[in-house]
Amino acid sequence: MNRPRKLRDDEAVKAVTLINEEHSQRYVTNLLGVRQSTISRTVKRCNELGSYCKIPGQGHKKSTDARNERYLMQVALRNMCSANLELSRALTAALNVTISARTVRRRLNKELDSKRPAITPLLTREHRATRLCFASEHVNWIIGNWKRFCFPTKQERSIMVWGGGGYP
């Protein structure tokens, strides 16, 4: 048996045209790969409304509106490390809107990018002093000195990159 699915507008036009040309619903069902009830409902809707398109406003209503989503974005940006479940509970507590953690994730993925927090080594006073000392000693270096110091030759680059190759 074919999997249930909705017809696109062009498929609905094709189905109704084939039915009007005296083809059987079974033939149209096999041709489009949908259930017979889908074809039957499509033809019935076309005959009643005179249109192939779906009626607007049909389907599942969104559980959040624009205001709730703005609040969710604000809470997520204030507490960047909070989990989806925590954000869901915060929305329920503040606006009395119950949504799942999965819905929170979908709403946030539309607007924001999730990334791992950057981990950098903490610099102590000693590190800062050492860096300042190094910078003051090398303030008058010319480009040739820095090239030798910072940028390895092509042969050295291939050694530094794991697996060889390196940058061209």
Protein backbone atom coordinates (compact mmCIF):
# COMPACT_ATOMS: atom_id res chain seq x y z
CA MET A 1 0.00 0.00 0.00
CA ASN A 2 1.25 3.49 -0.83
CA ARG A 3 2.34 5.82 1.93
CA PRO A 4 -0.12 8.61 2.76
CA ARG A 5 0.99 12.03 1.59
CA LYS A 6 -0.54 15.27 0.43
CA LEU A 7 -0.71 16.24 -3.21
CA ARG A 8 1.11 19.28 -4.52
CA ASP A 9 -0.98 21.72 -6.53
CA ASP A 10 0.36 20.46 -9.87
CA GLU A 11 -0.39 16.86 -8.85
CA ALA A 12 -3.93 17.85 -7.83
CA VAL A 13 -4.49 19.41 -11.26
CA LYS A 14 -3.18 16.26 -12.92
CA ALA A 15 -5.40 14.02 -10.76
CA VAL A 16 -8.58 15.99 -11.44
CA THR A 17 -7.78 16.20 -15.16
CA LEU A 18 -7.27 12.43 -15.38
CA ILE A 19 -10.51 11.74 -13.47
CA ASN A 20 -12.40 14.13 -15.79
CA GLU A 21 -10.91 12.24 -18.76
CA GLU A 22 -12.68 9.10 -17.51
CA HIS A 23 -9.63 7.40 -15.95
CA SER A 24 -10.32 5.36 -12.84
CA GLN A 25 -9.26 6.50 -9.39
CA ARG A 26 -7.18 3.33 -9.10
CA TYR A 27 -5.23 4.29 -12.24
CA VAL A 28 -4.60 7.83 -10.93
CA THR A 29 -3.65 6.43 -7.51
CA ASN A 30 -1.02 4.14 -9.02
CA LEU A 31 0.25 6.90 -11.32
CA LEU A 32 0.75 9.49 -8.56
CA GLY A 33 1.66 7.07 -5.77
CA VAL A 34 -0.96 8.20 -3.25
CA ARG A 35 -3.95 6.56 -1.60
CA GLN A 36 -7.32 6.37 -3.27
CA SER A 37 -8.93 8.46 -0.52
CA THR A 38 -6.51 11.30 -1.32
CA ILE A 39 -7.62 11.32 -4.95
CA SER A 40 -11.27 11.13 -3.91
CA ARG A 41 -10.95 14.08 -1.50
CA THR A 42 -9.03 16.13 -4.06
CA VAL A 43 -11.68 15.64 -6.75
CA LYS A 44 -14.47 16.37 -4.25
CA ARG A 45 -12.74 19.58 -3.07
CA CYS A 46 -12.23 20.69 -6.67
CA ASN A 47 -15.89 20.11 -7.52
CA GLU A 48 -17.12 21.94 -4.41
CA LEU A 49 -14.73 24.91 -4.44
CA GLY A 50 -13.82 25.09 -8.10
CA SER A 51 -10.14 25.29 -7.12
CA TYR A 52 -7.29 22.83 -6.81
CA CYS A 53 -5.56 24.68 -3.99
CA LYS A 54 -5.85 23.78 -0.34
CA ILE A 55 -8.09 25.93 1.81
CA PRO A 56 -6.00 28.45 3.78
CA GLY A 57 -6.07 28.10 7.54
CA GLN A 58 -6.16 24.33 7.50
CA GLY A 59 -3.73 22.30 9.52
CA HIS A 60 -2.14 22.44 12.94
CA LYS A 61 -1.98 25.88 14.56
CA LYS A 62 1.36 27.20 15.84
CA SER A 63 1.76 26.96 19.59
CA THR A 64 3.62 30.28 19.79
CA ASP A 65 3.01 33.68 18.30
CA ALA A 66 5.51 36.40 17.34
CA ARG A 67 5.53 37.87 20.86
CA ASN A 68 6.31 34.51 22.46
CA GLU A 69 9.09 33.87 19.96
CA ARG A 70 10.65 37.30 20.61
CA TYR A 71 10.61 36.59 24.34
CA LEU A 72 12.18 33.18 23.73
CA MET A 73 14.97 34.82 21.68
CA GLN A 74 15.63 37.36 24.44
CA VAL A 75 15.85 34.70 27.14
CA ALA A 76 18.10 32.54 24.95
CA LEU A 77 20.45 35.45 24.25
CA ARG A 78 20.59 36.48 27.91
CA ASN A 79 21.37 32.94 29.06
CA MET A 80 23.38 31.57 26.16
CA CYS A 81 24.29 28.33 27.90
CA SER A 82 20.77 27.40 28.97
CA ALA A 83 19.25 24.16 27.71
CA ASN A 84 16.11 23.95 25.58
CA LEU A 85 14.15 22.46 28.46
CA GLU A 86 15.11 25.38 30.71
CA LEU A 87 13.99 27.84 28.03
CA SER A 88 10.70 25.97 27.67
CA ARG A 89 10.10 26.20 31.41
CA ALA A 90 11.01 29.91 31.43
CA LEU A 91 8.46 30.58 28.67
CA THR A 92 5.81 28.62 30.57
CA ALA A 93 6.52 30.51 33.80
CA ALA A 94 6.58 33.96 32.20
CA LEU A 95 3.89 33.80 29.52
CA ASN A 96 1.91 30.67 30.46
CA VAL A 97 2.67 29.08 27.07
CA THR A 98 3.57 25.41 27.16
CA ILE A 99 5.90 24.18 24.42
CA SER A 100 8.30 21.27 24.20
CA ALA A 101 12.07 21.48 24.21
CA ARG A 102 12.02 20.34 20.58
CA THR A 103 9.77 23.27 19.63
CA VAL A 104 12.18 25.61 21.42
CA ARG A 105 15.06 24.17 19.40
CA ARG A 106 13.16 24.61 16.11
CA ARG A 107 12.24 28.23 16.91
CA LEU A 108 15.80 29.09 17.92
CA ASN A 109 17.33 27.35 14.91
CA LYS A 110 15.29 29.61 12.62
CA GLU A 111 16.94 32.74 14.02
CA LEU A 112 20.13 31.76 15.83
CA ASP A 113 23.13 29.52 15.23
CA SER A 114 24.17 27.19 18.02
CA LYS A 115 27.89 26.90 18.59
CA ARG A 116 30.15 25.45 21.21
CA PRO A 117 31.52 28.08 23.57
CA ALA A 118 35.08 29.08 22.79
CA ILE A 119 37.60 27.78 25.29
CA THR A 120 40.69 29.93 25.63
CA PRO A 121 43.52 29.58 28.10
CA LEU A 122 43.27 31.95 31.04
CA LEU A 123 46.11 34.45 31.19
CA THR A 124 47.65 35.12 34.56
CA ARG A 125 49.41 38.35 35.52
CA GLU A 126 52.71 36.60 34.87
CA HIS A 127 51.63 35.64 31.34
CA ARG A 128 50.56 39.21 30.61
CA ALA A 129 53.84 40.59 31.93
CA THR A 130 55.83 38.12 29.81
CA ARG A 131 53.85 39.03 26.69
CA LEU A 132 54.32 42.74 27.33
CA CYS A 133 58.05 42.21 27.79
CA PHE A 134 58.26 40.25 24.52
CA ALA A 135 56.31 42.93 22.64
CA SER A 136 58.49 45.76 23.95
CA GLU A 137 61.69 43.87 23.03
CA HIS A 138 60.52 43.20 19.47
CA VAL A 139 58.75 46.47 18.71
CA ASN A 140 61.45 47.59 16.27
CA TRP A 141 61.70 44.35 14.28
CA ILE A 142 61.33 44.62 10.51
CA ILE A 143 59.21 42.32 8.33
CA GLY A 144 62.17 40.12 7.41
CA ASN A 145 62.75 39.26 11.07
CA TRP A 146 59.09 38.37 11.62
CA LYS A 147 59.01 36.21 8.49
CA ARG A 148 61.87 34.13 9.76
CA PHE A 149 60.35 33.95 13.23
CA CYS A 150 56.62 33.38 12.55
CA PHE A 151 56.17 31.99 9.08
CA PRO A 152 57.91 28.69 8.30
CA THR A 153 59.20 27.75 4.89
CA LYS A 154 57.17 25.52 2.60
CA GLN A 155 59.16 22.46 3.66
CA GLU A 156 58.55 23.18 7.36
CA ARG A 157 54.85 23.74 6.72
CA SER A 158 54.40 20.22 5.36
CA ILE A 159 55.96 18.87 8.55
CA MET A 160 53.67 20.92 10.80
CA VAL A 161 50.37 19.77 9.24
CA TRP A 162 49.24 16.30 10.30
CA GLY A 163 49.36 13.89 7.39
CA GLY A 164 51.71 16.03 5.29
CA GLY A 165 50.69 18.17 2.36
CA GLY A 166 50.37 21.48 4.15
CA TYR A 167 49.30 24.72 2.56
CA PRO A 168 50.50 25.60 -0.95
